[in-house]
N, C-alpha and C. Protein backbone atom coordinates (compact mmCIF):
# COMPACT_ATOMS: atom_id res chain seq x y z
N UNK A 1 17.84 -1.28 31.78
CA UNK A 1 17.06 -1.83 30.67
C UNK A 1 16.71 -3.27 30.98
N UNK A 2 15.45 -3.65 30.78
CA UNK A 2 15.02 -5.00 31.06
C UNK A 2 15.53 -5.94 29.98
N UNK A 3 15.83 -7.16 30.42
CA UNK A 3 16.23 -8.18 29.45
C UNK A 3 15.03 -8.56 28.60
N UNK A 4 15.30 -8.85 27.34
CA UNK A 4 14.24 -9.30 26.45
C UNK A 4 13.89 -10.74 26.73
N UNK A 5 12.86 -11.29 26.05
CA UNK A 5 12.47 -12.68 26.25
C UNK A 5 13.57 -13.62 25.78
N UNK A 6 13.65 -14.77 26.39
CA UNK A 6 14.62 -15.77 25.98
C UNK A 6 14.32 -16.23 24.56
N UNK A 7 15.37 -16.69 23.89
CA UNK A 7 15.21 -17.10 22.50
C UNK A 7 14.19 -18.21 22.33
N UNK A 8 14.06 -19.08 23.38
CA UNK A 8 13.13 -20.20 23.26
C UNK A 8 11.77 -19.90 23.88
N UNK A 9 11.55 -18.64 24.29
CA UNK A 9 10.26 -18.27 24.88
C UNK A 9 9.20 -18.23 23.78
N UNK A 10 7.97 -18.68 24.09
CA UNK A 10 6.90 -18.64 23.08
C UNK A 10 6.55 -17.21 22.70
N UNK A 11 6.25 -17.01 21.44
CA UNK A 11 5.87 -15.68 20.98
C UNK A 11 4.52 -15.30 21.56
N UNK A 12 4.33 -14.04 21.95
CA UNK A 12 3.03 -13.63 22.50
C UNK A 12 1.94 -13.75 21.44
N UNK A 13 0.74 -14.13 21.88
CA UNK A 13 -0.37 -14.27 20.94
C UNK A 13 -0.82 -12.91 20.45
N UNK A 14 -1.18 -12.87 19.20
CA UNK A 14 -1.68 -11.64 18.58
C UNK A 14 -3.19 -11.65 18.65
N UNK A 15 -3.77 -10.49 18.90
CA UNK A 15 -5.22 -10.38 18.83
C UNK A 15 -5.91 -10.71 20.14
N UNK A 16 -7.15 -11.18 20.01
CA UNK A 16 -8.00 -11.44 21.17
C UNK A 16 -8.66 -12.81 21.04
N UNK A 17 -9.08 -13.34 22.17
CA UNK A 17 -9.77 -14.62 22.20
C UNK A 17 -11.26 -14.46 21.93
N UNK A 18 -12.04 -15.49 22.21
CA UNK A 18 -13.50 -15.41 21.99
C UNK A 18 -14.13 -14.24 22.73
N UNK A 19 -15.25 -13.76 22.21
CA UNK A 19 -15.94 -12.63 22.83
C UNK A 19 -16.29 -12.96 24.28
N UNK A 20 -15.95 -12.06 25.22
CA UNK A 20 -16.22 -12.35 26.63
C UNK A 20 -17.72 -12.51 26.91
N UNK A 21 -18.05 -13.47 27.74
CA UNK A 21 -19.44 -13.65 28.14
C UNK A 21 -20.19 -14.69 27.34
N UNK A 22 -19.53 -15.23 26.30
CA UNK A 22 -20.19 -16.27 25.53
C UNK A 22 -21.18 -15.73 24.52
N UNK A 23 -21.86 -16.67 23.85
CA UNK A 23 -22.75 -16.33 22.74
C UNK A 23 -23.87 -15.37 23.14
N UNK A 24 -24.36 -15.51 24.34
CA UNK A 24 -25.47 -14.65 24.78
C UNK A 24 -25.06 -13.18 24.87
N UNK A 25 -23.75 -12.93 24.95
CA UNK A 25 -23.26 -11.55 25.07
C UNK A 25 -22.79 -10.97 23.74
N UNK A 26 -22.94 -11.71 22.64
CA UNK A 26 -22.48 -11.22 21.34
C UNK A 26 -23.22 -9.94 20.95
N UNK A 27 -22.53 -9.00 20.31
CA UNK A 27 -23.18 -7.76 19.87
C UNK A 27 -24.19 -8.03 18.75
N UNK A 28 -25.29 -7.31 18.78
CA UNK A 28 -26.31 -7.42 17.73
C UNK A 28 -25.97 -6.43 16.63
N UNK A 29 -25.00 -6.81 15.81
CA UNK A 29 -24.46 -5.92 14.78
C UNK A 29 -23.92 -6.78 13.65
N UNK A 30 -24.45 -6.59 12.43
CA UNK A 30 -24.06 -7.48 11.34
C UNK A 30 -22.64 -7.24 10.84
N UNK A 31 -21.93 -6.23 11.39
CA UNK A 31 -20.53 -6.05 11.04
C UNK A 31 -19.65 -7.15 11.66
N UNK A 32 -20.15 -7.78 12.70
CA UNK A 32 -19.35 -8.77 13.42
C UNK A 32 -19.48 -10.15 12.78
N UNK A 33 -18.38 -10.90 12.80
CA UNK A 33 -18.30 -12.22 12.21
C UNK A 33 -18.54 -13.28 13.29
N UNK A 34 -19.57 -14.10 13.16
CA UNK A 34 -19.86 -15.11 14.20
C UNK A 34 -18.70 -16.05 14.46
N UNK A 35 -17.96 -16.42 13.41
CA UNK A 35 -16.82 -17.32 13.61
C UNK A 35 -15.72 -16.67 14.44
N UNK A 36 -15.48 -15.39 14.19
CA UNK A 36 -14.46 -14.69 14.97
C UNK A 36 -14.93 -14.46 16.41
N UNK A 37 -16.21 -14.18 16.59
CA UNK A 37 -16.74 -14.00 17.94
C UNK A 37 -16.59 -15.28 18.76
N UNK A 38 -16.77 -16.40 18.08
CA UNK A 38 -16.72 -17.69 18.78
C UNK A 38 -15.29 -18.16 19.03
N UNK A 39 -14.41 -17.96 18.07
CA UNK A 39 -13.07 -18.53 18.16
C UNK A 39 -12.00 -17.52 18.55
N UNK A 40 -12.28 -16.23 18.42
CA UNK A 40 -11.27 -15.20 18.66
C UNK A 40 -10.77 -14.63 17.36
N UNK A 41 -10.16 -13.47 17.45
CA UNK A 41 -9.68 -12.76 16.26
C UNK A 41 -8.18 -12.55 16.38
N UNK A 42 -7.42 -13.33 15.63
CA UNK A 42 -5.96 -13.26 15.67
C UNK A 42 -5.39 -12.53 14.45
N UNK A 43 -6.21 -11.83 13.72
CA UNK A 43 -5.75 -11.11 12.54
C UNK A 43 -4.92 -9.89 12.92
N UNK A 44 -4.12 -9.43 11.97
CA UNK A 44 -3.32 -8.22 12.17
C UNK A 44 -4.16 -7.01 11.77
N UNK A 45 -5.12 -6.67 12.63
CA UNK A 45 -5.97 -5.51 12.40
C UNK A 45 -5.94 -4.63 13.64
N UNK A 46 -6.25 -3.35 13.47
CA UNK A 46 -6.32 -2.44 14.61
C UNK A 46 -7.51 -2.83 15.48
N UNK A 47 -7.48 -2.41 16.74
CA UNK A 47 -8.46 -2.87 17.71
C UNK A 47 -9.90 -2.54 17.32
N UNK A 48 -10.11 -1.44 16.64
CA UNK A 48 -11.50 -1.05 16.32
C UNK A 48 -12.16 -2.05 15.38
N UNK A 49 -11.36 -2.84 14.66
CA UNK A 49 -11.92 -3.81 13.73
C UNK A 49 -11.90 -5.24 14.25
N UNK A 50 -11.60 -5.43 15.53
CA UNK A 50 -11.63 -6.77 16.11
C UNK A 50 -13.03 -7.38 15.96
N UNK A 51 -13.06 -8.60 15.48
CA UNK A 51 -14.26 -9.40 15.29
C UNK A 51 -15.09 -8.98 14.09
N UNK A 52 -14.69 -7.93 13.37
CA UNK A 52 -15.46 -7.50 12.22
C UNK A 52 -15.24 -8.44 11.04
N UNK A 53 -16.27 -8.58 10.22
CA UNK A 53 -16.13 -9.30 8.96
C UNK A 53 -15.18 -8.54 8.02
N UNK A 54 -14.47 -9.27 7.17
CA UNK A 54 -13.54 -8.64 6.24
C UNK A 54 -14.25 -7.60 5.38
N UNK A 55 -15.44 -7.95 4.88
CA UNK A 55 -16.19 -7.02 4.02
C UNK A 55 -16.59 -5.77 4.80
N UNK A 56 -16.90 -5.93 6.07
CA UNK A 56 -17.29 -4.77 6.88
C UNK A 56 -16.10 -3.84 7.10
N UNK A 57 -14.93 -4.42 7.31
CA UNK A 57 -13.72 -3.60 7.46
C UNK A 57 -13.46 -2.81 6.18
N UNK A 58 -13.52 -3.51 5.03
CA UNK A 58 -13.27 -2.84 3.76
C UNK A 58 -14.29 -1.73 3.50
N UNK A 59 -15.57 -2.00 3.80
CA UNK A 59 -16.60 -0.99 3.58
C UNK A 59 -16.37 0.23 4.46
N UNK A 60 -15.93 0.02 5.68
CA UNK A 60 -15.67 1.14 6.58
C UNK A 60 -14.48 1.95 6.10
N UNK A 61 -13.43 1.27 5.64
CA UNK A 61 -12.26 1.97 5.12
C UNK A 61 -12.61 2.77 3.86
N UNK A 62 -13.58 2.29 3.09
CA UNK A 62 -13.99 3.01 1.88
C UNK A 62 -14.50 4.41 2.19
N UNK A 63 -14.95 4.63 3.40
CA UNK A 63 -15.50 5.94 3.77
C UNK A 63 -14.41 6.99 3.98
N UNK A 64 -13.15 6.54 4.07
CA UNK A 64 -12.08 7.50 4.35
C UNK A 64 -10.83 7.21 3.52
N UNK A 65 -10.98 6.70 2.32
CA UNK A 65 -9.83 6.38 1.49
C UNK A 65 -9.02 7.64 1.18
N UNK A 66 -7.70 7.47 1.11
CA UNK A 66 -6.83 8.57 0.70
C UNK A 66 -7.01 8.82 -0.80
N UNK A 67 -6.47 9.92 -1.27
CA UNK A 67 -6.60 10.25 -2.68
C UNK A 67 -5.54 9.64 -3.57
N UNK A 68 -4.62 8.89 -2.97
CA UNK A 68 -3.49 8.36 -3.72
C UNK A 68 -3.74 6.90 -4.11
N UNK A 69 -3.44 6.60 -5.38
CA UNK A 69 -3.43 5.22 -5.88
C UNK A 69 -1.98 4.81 -6.08
N UNK A 70 -1.73 3.51 -5.98
CA UNK A 70 -0.39 2.97 -6.22
C UNK A 70 -0.48 1.93 -7.32
N UNK A 71 0.40 2.05 -8.32
CA UNK A 71 0.46 1.08 -9.42
C UNK A 71 1.87 0.51 -9.50
N UNK A 72 1.97 -0.74 -9.90
CA UNK A 72 3.28 -1.37 -10.02
C UNK A 72 3.27 -2.29 -11.24
N UNK A 73 4.34 -2.19 -12.02
CA UNK A 73 4.47 -3.07 -13.18
C UNK A 73 4.83 -4.48 -12.72
N UNK A 74 4.21 -5.47 -13.36
CA UNK A 74 4.39 -6.86 -12.96
C UNK A 74 4.64 -7.71 -14.20
N UNK A 75 5.89 -7.77 -14.60
CA UNK A 75 6.25 -8.54 -15.79
C UNK A 75 6.96 -9.85 -15.45
N UNK A 76 7.44 -10.00 -14.20
CA UNK A 76 8.15 -11.21 -13.82
C UNK A 76 7.75 -11.68 -12.43
N UNK A 77 6.49 -11.53 -12.09
CA UNK A 77 5.99 -11.95 -10.77
C UNK A 77 6.87 -11.39 -9.65
N UNK A 78 7.02 -10.09 -9.63
CA UNK A 78 7.86 -9.42 -8.65
C UNK A 78 7.37 -9.72 -7.23
N UNK A 79 8.25 -10.25 -6.39
CA UNK A 79 7.89 -10.56 -5.02
C UNK A 79 7.61 -9.32 -4.19
N UNK A 80 8.04 -8.16 -4.65
CA UNK A 80 7.85 -6.92 -3.90
C UNK A 80 6.42 -6.39 -3.95
N UNK A 81 5.61 -6.90 -4.86
CA UNK A 81 4.26 -6.36 -5.01
C UNK A 81 3.46 -6.53 -3.72
N UNK A 82 3.64 -7.65 -3.04
CA UNK A 82 2.95 -7.84 -1.78
C UNK A 82 3.29 -6.77 -0.76
N UNK A 83 4.55 -6.37 -0.72
CA UNK A 83 4.97 -5.30 0.19
C UNK A 83 4.34 -3.97 -0.20
N UNK A 84 4.25 -3.72 -1.50
CA UNK A 84 3.60 -2.50 -1.98
C UNK A 84 2.15 -2.46 -1.52
N UNK A 85 1.46 -3.58 -1.64
CA UNK A 85 0.05 -3.66 -1.24
C UNK A 85 -0.09 -3.42 0.25
N UNK A 86 0.78 -4.03 1.04
CA UNK A 86 0.70 -3.86 2.48
C UNK A 86 0.91 -2.40 2.88
N UNK A 87 1.85 -1.72 2.24
CA UNK A 87 2.08 -0.31 2.53
C UNK A 87 0.90 0.53 2.09
N UNK A 88 0.31 0.20 0.95
CA UNK A 88 -0.86 0.93 0.47
C UNK A 88 -2.01 0.80 1.46
N UNK A 89 -2.17 -0.37 2.05
CA UNK A 89 -3.21 -0.55 3.06
C UNK A 89 -2.92 0.32 4.29
N UNK A 90 -1.64 0.45 4.64
CA UNK A 90 -1.28 1.21 5.84
C UNK A 90 -1.70 2.67 5.73
N UNK A 91 -1.69 3.23 4.53
CA UNK A 91 -2.11 4.63 4.36
C UNK A 91 -3.56 4.72 3.88
N UNK A 92 -4.23 3.56 3.78
CA UNK A 92 -5.61 3.48 3.27
C UNK A 92 -5.72 4.10 1.88
N UNK A 93 -4.84 3.64 0.99
CA UNK A 93 -4.82 4.15 -0.38
C UNK A 93 -6.13 3.86 -1.09
N UNK A 94 -6.44 4.70 -2.07
CA UNK A 94 -7.68 4.54 -2.82
C UNK A 94 -7.70 3.24 -3.62
N UNK A 95 -6.53 2.76 -4.03
CA UNK A 95 -6.49 1.52 -4.78
C UNK A 95 -5.07 1.14 -5.14
N UNK A 96 -4.90 -0.13 -5.44
CA UNK A 96 -3.63 -0.65 -5.96
C UNK A 96 -3.89 -1.19 -7.36
N UNK A 97 -2.96 -0.91 -8.26
CA UNK A 97 -3.12 -1.31 -9.66
C UNK A 97 -1.93 -2.15 -10.08
N UNK A 98 -2.21 -3.35 -10.54
CA UNK A 98 -1.17 -4.26 -11.02
C UNK A 98 -1.19 -4.21 -12.55
N UNK A 99 -0.05 -3.83 -13.13
CA UNK A 99 0.05 -3.65 -14.57
C UNK A 99 0.86 -4.81 -15.16
N UNK A 100 0.28 -5.51 -16.13
CA UNK A 100 1.00 -6.63 -16.75
C UNK A 100 0.36 -7.94 -16.37
N UNK A 101 1.14 -8.83 -15.78
CA UNK A 101 0.64 -10.14 -15.39
C UNK A 101 -0.42 -10.00 -14.30
N UNK A 102 -1.52 -10.72 -14.49
CA UNK A 102 -2.61 -10.61 -13.51
C UNK A 102 -2.24 -11.26 -12.18
N UNK A 103 -1.54 -12.38 -12.25
CA UNK A 103 -1.16 -13.08 -11.02
C UNK A 103 0.04 -12.40 -10.37
N UNK A 104 0.00 -12.28 -9.06
CA UNK A 104 1.12 -11.70 -8.33
C UNK A 104 1.25 -12.41 -6.98
N UNK A 105 2.44 -12.39 -6.43
CA UNK A 105 2.73 -13.09 -5.18
C UNK A 105 2.12 -12.33 -4.01
N UNK A 106 1.14 -12.92 -3.37
CA UNK A 106 0.41 -12.24 -2.30
C UNK A 106 1.03 -12.44 -0.92
N UNK A 107 2.09 -13.22 -0.81
CA UNK A 107 2.63 -13.54 0.51
C UNK A 107 3.02 -12.29 1.29
N UNK A 108 3.71 -11.37 0.63
CA UNK A 108 4.16 -10.17 1.33
C UNK A 108 3.03 -9.24 1.73
N UNK A 109 1.85 -9.41 1.12
CA UNK A 109 0.71 -8.54 1.44
C UNK A 109 0.12 -8.85 2.81
N UNK A 110 0.39 -10.05 3.33
CA UNK A 110 -0.13 -10.44 4.65
C UNK A 110 -1.65 -10.24 4.72
N UNK A 111 -2.34 -10.64 3.68
CA UNK A 111 -3.80 -10.60 3.48
C UNK A 111 -4.38 -9.18 3.49
N UNK A 112 -3.54 -8.14 3.47
CA UNK A 112 -4.06 -6.78 3.45
C UNK A 112 -4.79 -6.46 2.15
N UNK A 113 -4.56 -7.25 1.09
CA UNK A 113 -5.27 -7.02 -0.16
C UNK A 113 -6.77 -7.20 0.01
N UNK A 114 -7.19 -7.88 1.05
CA UNK A 114 -8.62 -8.08 1.29
C UNK A 114 -9.32 -6.81 1.75
N UNK A 115 -8.52 -5.85 2.23
CA UNK A 115 -9.11 -4.65 2.82
C UNK A 115 -9.03 -3.42 1.91
N UNK A 116 -8.52 -3.59 0.70
CA UNK A 116 -8.51 -2.49 -0.26
C UNK A 116 -8.88 -3.02 -1.63
N UNK A 117 -8.85 -2.15 -2.63
CA UNK A 117 -9.29 -2.52 -3.98
C UNK A 117 -8.07 -2.68 -4.88
N UNK A 118 -7.90 -3.88 -5.42
CA UNK A 118 -6.79 -4.19 -6.30
C UNK A 118 -7.33 -4.33 -7.72
N UNK A 119 -6.78 -3.53 -8.64
CA UNK A 119 -7.23 -3.51 -10.03
C UNK A 119 -6.12 -4.06 -10.93
N UNK A 120 -6.52 -4.58 -12.06
CA UNK A 120 -5.54 -5.09 -13.03
C UNK A 120 -5.67 -4.34 -14.34
N UNK A 121 -4.52 -4.01 -14.95
CA UNK A 121 -4.46 -3.40 -16.28
C UNK A 121 -3.48 -4.21 -17.11
N UNK A 122 -3.83 -4.57 -18.32
CA UNK A 122 -2.95 -5.42 -19.12
C UNK A 122 -1.63 -4.77 -19.50
N UNK A 123 -1.63 -3.44 -19.59
CA UNK A 123 -0.39 -2.74 -19.97
C UNK A 123 -0.44 -1.31 -19.46
N UNK A 124 0.66 -0.60 -19.65
CA UNK A 124 0.75 0.78 -19.16
C UNK A 124 -0.25 1.68 -19.87
N UNK A 125 -0.48 1.43 -21.15
CA UNK A 125 -1.44 2.26 -21.90
C UNK A 125 -2.83 2.18 -21.27
N UNK A 126 -3.21 0.99 -20.84
CA UNK A 126 -4.52 0.84 -20.21
C UNK A 126 -4.58 1.57 -18.87
N UNK A 127 -3.50 1.49 -18.09
CA UNK A 127 -3.46 2.24 -16.83
C UNK A 127 -3.54 3.73 -17.08
N UNK A 128 -2.78 4.23 -18.05
CA UNK A 128 -2.76 5.66 -18.36
C UNK A 128 -4.14 6.13 -18.82
N UNK A 129 -4.82 5.30 -19.60
CA UNK A 129 -6.16 5.66 -20.06
C UNK A 129 -7.13 5.73 -18.88
N UNK A 130 -7.02 4.78 -17.97
CA UNK A 130 -7.88 4.79 -16.78
C UNK A 130 -7.61 6.03 -15.94
N UNK A 131 -6.34 6.34 -15.70
CA UNK A 131 -5.99 7.50 -14.89
C UNK A 131 -6.51 8.79 -15.53
N UNK A 132 -6.37 8.91 -16.85
CA UNK A 132 -6.85 10.10 -17.55
C UNK A 132 -8.36 10.24 -17.41
N UNK A 133 -9.08 9.12 -17.52
CA UNK A 133 -10.54 9.16 -17.40
C UNK A 133 -10.97 9.58 -15.99
N UNK A 134 -10.14 9.25 -15.00
CA UNK A 134 -10.45 9.61 -13.61
C UNK A 134 -9.91 10.98 -13.23
N UNK A 135 -9.19 11.63 -14.16
CA UNK A 135 -8.60 12.93 -13.87
C UNK A 135 -7.45 12.87 -12.90
N UNK A 136 -6.70 11.76 -12.91
CA UNK A 136 -5.60 11.56 -11.98
C UNK A 136 -4.26 11.65 -12.71
N UNK A 137 -3.36 12.51 -12.27
CA UNK A 137 -2.03 12.54 -12.86
C UNK A 137 -1.28 11.26 -12.54
N UNK A 138 -0.49 10.81 -13.51
CA UNK A 138 0.30 9.59 -13.36
C UNK A 138 1.75 9.99 -13.15
N UNK A 139 2.29 9.70 -11.97
CA UNK A 139 3.67 10.06 -11.64
C UNK A 139 4.47 8.79 -11.36
N UNK A 140 5.60 8.66 -12.03
CA UNK A 140 6.46 7.51 -11.81
C UNK A 140 7.39 7.73 -10.64
N UNK A 141 7.91 6.63 -10.11
CA UNK A 141 8.91 6.68 -9.05
C UNK A 141 10.08 5.80 -9.48
N UNK A 142 11.18 6.44 -9.87
CA UNK A 142 12.36 5.69 -10.31
C UNK A 142 13.52 6.66 -10.46
N UNK A 143 14.72 6.17 -10.28
CA UNK A 143 15.91 7.01 -10.45
C UNK A 143 16.39 6.90 -11.89
N UNK A 144 15.71 7.59 -12.78
CA UNK A 144 16.06 7.57 -14.20
C UNK A 144 16.50 8.96 -14.63
N UNK A 145 17.24 9.07 -15.71
CA UNK A 145 17.62 10.40 -16.20
C UNK A 145 16.40 11.28 -16.42
N UNK A 146 16.50 12.52 -15.96
CA UNK A 146 15.39 13.46 -16.10
C UNK A 146 14.41 13.44 -14.94
N UNK A 147 14.56 12.50 -13.99
CA UNK A 147 13.66 12.46 -12.85
C UNK A 147 13.91 13.65 -11.93
N UNK A 148 12.86 14.10 -11.27
CA UNK A 148 12.97 15.23 -10.34
C UNK A 148 12.92 14.69 -8.92
N UNK A 149 13.51 15.38 -7.95
CA UNK A 149 13.57 14.86 -6.58
C UNK A 149 12.17 14.73 -5.95
N UNK A 150 11.90 13.58 -5.43
CA UNK A 150 10.66 13.38 -4.68
C UNK A 150 10.61 14.32 -3.49
N UNK A 151 11.75 14.51 -2.84
CA UNK A 151 11.80 15.26 -1.59
C UNK A 151 11.42 16.73 -1.74
N UNK A 152 11.52 17.28 -2.94
CA UNK A 152 11.17 18.69 -3.15
C UNK A 152 9.95 18.85 -4.05
N UNK A 153 9.25 17.75 -4.31
CA UNK A 153 8.06 17.80 -5.16
C UNK A 153 6.81 17.91 -4.31
N UNK A 154 5.95 18.86 -4.63
CA UNK A 154 4.69 19.02 -3.94
C UNK A 154 3.67 18.08 -4.59
N UNK A 155 3.48 16.92 -4.02
CA UNK A 155 2.61 15.91 -4.60
C UNK A 155 1.16 16.37 -4.56
N UNK A 156 0.42 16.16 -5.65
CA UNK A 156 -1.00 16.49 -5.62
C UNK A 156 -1.75 15.54 -4.69
N UNK A 157 -2.91 15.96 -4.22
CA UNK A 157 -3.67 15.13 -3.28
C UNK A 157 -4.22 13.89 -3.95
N UNK A 158 -4.62 14.01 -5.21
CA UNK A 158 -5.15 12.87 -5.95
C UNK A 158 -4.18 12.55 -7.08
N UNK A 159 -3.68 11.35 -7.11
CA UNK A 159 -2.72 10.96 -8.13
C UNK A 159 -2.54 9.46 -8.13
N UNK A 160 -1.80 8.98 -9.15
CA UNK A 160 -1.37 7.59 -9.21
C UNK A 160 0.16 7.58 -9.20
N UNK A 161 0.73 6.86 -8.26
CA UNK A 161 2.17 6.65 -8.21
C UNK A 161 2.49 5.32 -8.87
N UNK A 162 3.33 5.34 -9.89
CA UNK A 162 3.65 4.14 -10.66
C UNK A 162 5.08 3.70 -10.37
N UNK A 163 5.24 2.46 -9.95
CA UNK A 163 6.55 1.89 -9.65
C UNK A 163 6.89 0.79 -10.64
N UNK A 164 8.18 0.61 -10.85
CA UNK A 164 8.62 -0.36 -11.83
C UNK A 164 8.97 -1.71 -11.24
N UNK A 165 9.45 -2.57 -12.12
CA UNK A 165 9.85 -3.92 -11.76
C UNK A 165 11.17 -3.91 -11.00
N UNK A 166 11.32 -4.83 -10.06
CA UNK A 166 12.58 -4.96 -9.34
C UNK A 166 13.72 -5.20 -10.33
N UNK A 167 14.81 -4.49 -10.17
CA UNK A 167 15.98 -4.66 -11.05
C UNK A 167 15.97 -3.70 -12.21
N UNK A 168 14.98 -3.83 -13.08
CA UNK A 168 14.96 -3.02 -14.30
C UNK A 168 14.26 -1.68 -14.12
N UNK A 169 13.45 -1.54 -13.08
CA UNK A 169 12.75 -0.28 -12.87
C UNK A 169 11.61 -0.08 -13.85
N UNK A 170 11.20 1.16 -14.02
CA UNK A 170 10.11 1.47 -14.95
C UNK A 170 10.52 1.16 -16.38
N UNK A 171 9.59 0.61 -17.14
CA UNK A 171 9.85 0.38 -18.55
C UNK A 171 9.84 1.71 -19.30
N UNK A 172 10.45 1.77 -20.48
CA UNK A 172 10.39 3.00 -21.27
C UNK A 172 8.96 3.45 -21.55
N UNK A 173 8.06 2.49 -21.74
CA UNK A 173 6.65 2.83 -21.98
C UNK A 173 6.04 3.52 -20.76
N UNK A 174 6.42 3.05 -19.57
CA UNK A 174 5.89 3.66 -18.35
C UNK A 174 6.43 5.07 -18.16
N UNK A 175 7.72 5.25 -18.40
CA UNK A 175 8.32 6.57 -18.27
C UNK A 175 7.63 7.55 -19.21
N UNK A 176 7.38 7.11 -20.44
CA UNK A 176 6.75 7.98 -21.44
C UNK A 176 5.32 8.33 -21.06
N UNK A 177 4.63 7.43 -20.35
CA UNK A 177 3.23 7.67 -19.99
C UNK A 177 3.08 8.60 -18.79
N UNK A 178 4.15 8.76 -18.00
CA UNK A 178 4.07 9.56 -16.78
C UNK A 178 4.22 11.05 -17.07
N UNK A 179 3.47 11.86 -16.34
CA UNK A 179 3.65 13.31 -16.43
C UNK A 179 5.03 13.72 -15.91
N UNK A 180 5.45 13.07 -14.85
CA UNK A 180 6.78 13.28 -14.27
C UNK A 180 7.24 11.97 -13.67
N UNK A 181 8.55 11.85 -13.52
CA UNK A 181 9.11 10.73 -12.77
C UNK A 181 9.87 11.31 -11.59
N UNK A 182 9.65 10.74 -10.42
CA UNK A 182 10.24 11.24 -9.19
C UNK A 182 11.36 10.31 -8.74
N UNK A 183 12.48 10.89 -8.35
CA UNK A 183 13.64 10.12 -7.88
C UNK A 183 13.77 10.26 -6.37
N UNK A 184 14.03 9.13 -5.71
CA UNK A 184 14.27 9.12 -4.28
C UNK A 184 15.76 9.37 -4.04
N UNK A 185 16.07 10.31 -3.17
CA UNK A 185 17.47 10.64 -2.90
C UNK A 185 18.22 9.44 -2.33
N UNK A 186 19.39 9.17 -2.91
CA UNK A 186 20.24 8.08 -2.42
C UNK A 186 21.69 8.57 -2.39
N UNK A 187 22.41 8.21 -1.35
CA UNK A 187 23.79 8.64 -1.21
C UNK A 187 24.75 7.46 -1.03
N UNK A 188 24.22 6.25 -1.10
CA UNK A 188 25.05 5.08 -0.92
C UNK A 188 25.55 4.51 -2.24
N UNK A 189 26.00 3.27 -2.20
CA UNK A 189 26.61 2.66 -3.37
C UNK A 189 25.61 1.93 -4.26
N UNK A 190 24.45 1.55 -3.71
CA UNK A 190 23.50 0.80 -4.52
C UNK A 190 22.79 1.70 -5.51
N UNK A 191 22.42 1.14 -6.64
CA UNK A 191 21.81 1.94 -7.70
C UNK A 191 20.36 2.31 -7.39
N UNK A 192 19.67 1.43 -6.67
CA UNK A 192 18.25 1.67 -6.44
C UNK A 192 17.78 0.93 -5.20
N UNK A 193 16.60 1.27 -4.73
CA UNK A 193 15.93 0.52 -3.67
C UNK A 193 14.82 -0.29 -4.32
N UNK A 194 14.38 -1.36 -3.65
CA UNK A 194 13.36 -2.20 -4.27
C UNK A 194 12.00 -1.51 -4.28
N UNK A 195 11.08 -2.08 -5.02
CA UNK A 195 9.78 -1.45 -5.22
C UNK A 195 9.02 -1.29 -3.90
N UNK A 196 9.15 -2.27 -3.00
CA UNK A 196 8.46 -2.16 -1.73
C UNK A 196 8.95 -0.98 -0.91
N UNK A 197 10.26 -0.80 -0.86
CA UNK A 197 10.83 0.34 -0.14
C UNK A 197 10.48 1.65 -0.82
N UNK A 198 10.55 1.69 -2.15
CA UNK A 198 10.23 2.91 -2.88
C UNK A 198 8.79 3.33 -2.66
N UNK A 199 7.88 2.36 -2.63
CA UNK A 199 6.48 2.67 -2.38
C UNK A 199 6.30 3.26 -0.99
N UNK A 200 7.00 2.70 -0.01
CA UNK A 200 6.88 3.21 1.36
C UNK A 200 7.37 4.65 1.46
N UNK A 201 8.50 4.94 0.82
CA UNK A 201 9.05 6.29 0.87
C UNK A 201 8.11 7.28 0.17
N UNK A 202 7.63 6.91 -1.01
CA UNK A 202 6.77 7.81 -1.78
C UNK A 202 5.44 8.05 -1.07
N UNK A 203 4.85 7.00 -0.51
CA UNK A 203 3.58 7.16 0.18
C UNK A 203 3.75 7.97 1.47
N UNK A 204 4.89 7.81 2.12
CA UNK A 204 5.12 8.62 3.32
C UNK A 204 5.27 10.09 2.94
N UNK A 205 5.87 10.38 1.79
CA UNK A 205 5.95 11.76 1.33
C UNK A 205 4.55 12.32 1.11
N UNK A 206 3.64 11.49 0.57
CA UNK A 206 2.26 11.94 0.37
C UNK A 206 1.59 12.19 1.72
N UNK A 207 1.82 11.30 2.68
CA UNK A 207 1.21 11.45 4.01
C UNK A 207 1.71 12.74 4.68
N UNK A 208 2.99 13.00 4.60
CA UNK A 208 3.54 14.22 5.20
C UNK A 208 2.87 15.46 4.62
N UNK A 209 2.60 15.42 3.33
CA UNK A 209 2.02 16.59 2.67
C UNK A 209 0.53 16.71 2.95
N UNK A 210 -0.22 15.62 2.81
CA UNK A 210 -1.68 15.74 2.80
C UNK A 210 -2.36 15.27 4.08
N UNK A 211 -1.64 14.66 4.99
CA UNK A 211 -2.18 14.35 6.30
C UNK A 211 -1.66 15.33 7.34
N UNK A 212 -0.37 15.68 7.24
CA UNK A 212 0.25 16.57 8.22
C UNK A 212 0.53 17.97 7.68
N UNK A 213 0.26 18.20 6.38
CA UNK A 213 0.38 19.54 5.83
C UNK A 213 1.79 20.08 5.75
N UNK A 214 2.78 19.20 5.65
CA UNK A 214 4.17 19.64 5.57
C UNK A 214 4.56 19.86 4.11
N UNK A 215 4.70 21.11 3.73
CA UNK A 215 5.05 21.45 2.35
C UNK A 215 6.53 21.17 2.14
N UNK A 216 6.90 20.46 1.07
CA UNK A 216 8.32 20.16 0.84
C UNK A 216 9.12 21.40 0.51
N UNK A 217 10.40 21.41 0.80
CA UNK A 217 11.22 22.58 0.48
C UNK A 217 11.33 22.79 -1.02
N UNK A 218 11.58 24.02 -1.41
CA UNK A 218 11.76 24.30 -2.83
C UNK A 218 13.06 23.71 -3.31
N UNK A 219 13.02 23.30 -4.57
CA UNK A 219 14.23 22.73 -5.15
C UNK A 219 15.24 23.86 -5.39
N UNK A 220 16.49 23.68 -4.93
CA UNK A 220 17.48 24.75 -5.13
C UNK A 220 17.80 24.95 -6.60
């Protein structure tokens, strides 16, 4: 096994430098950003989107959005919301919905909120009304009494997954608004996982079902 880099070694640069060949070689395509072509693109994007304008990336992703939306309650500026947004971007979710406080900590999102659609709802009732108008079932994710196992639930292709606040979980109003609440299997000593981790687990369950066609086992 090769030794890793020394602790004081400089971190490798992310992305690419200026477009090779200089300005005369720039592509004649309005998807490309002149500033990125000139200075290089160090963003955390896949190679196909190198040098593209942010709006062009978002427009292209709109052509293949998944059917799943992710919503999270935000009553105390939960730091996990940024992680939820970043995971939603990873699966190209149809949208992220912030319920409660409009402002949320974007640090954990690592600017991925620029590449998807983030909506705000003042309360759970407003989110539920929006979901009903769109014909989307609202499913909660929390380990509460009466919740059914996520691992044996056949998630619909189009839905809204609703996550609660760190610590307190889904509010009673959110639980009441959901058609079902899904529990993530846990065998350790902690009572729950944080919203960012729960979103990742739930969205991966959706990906396994609707991207790879893996039907969950029946509940015993």
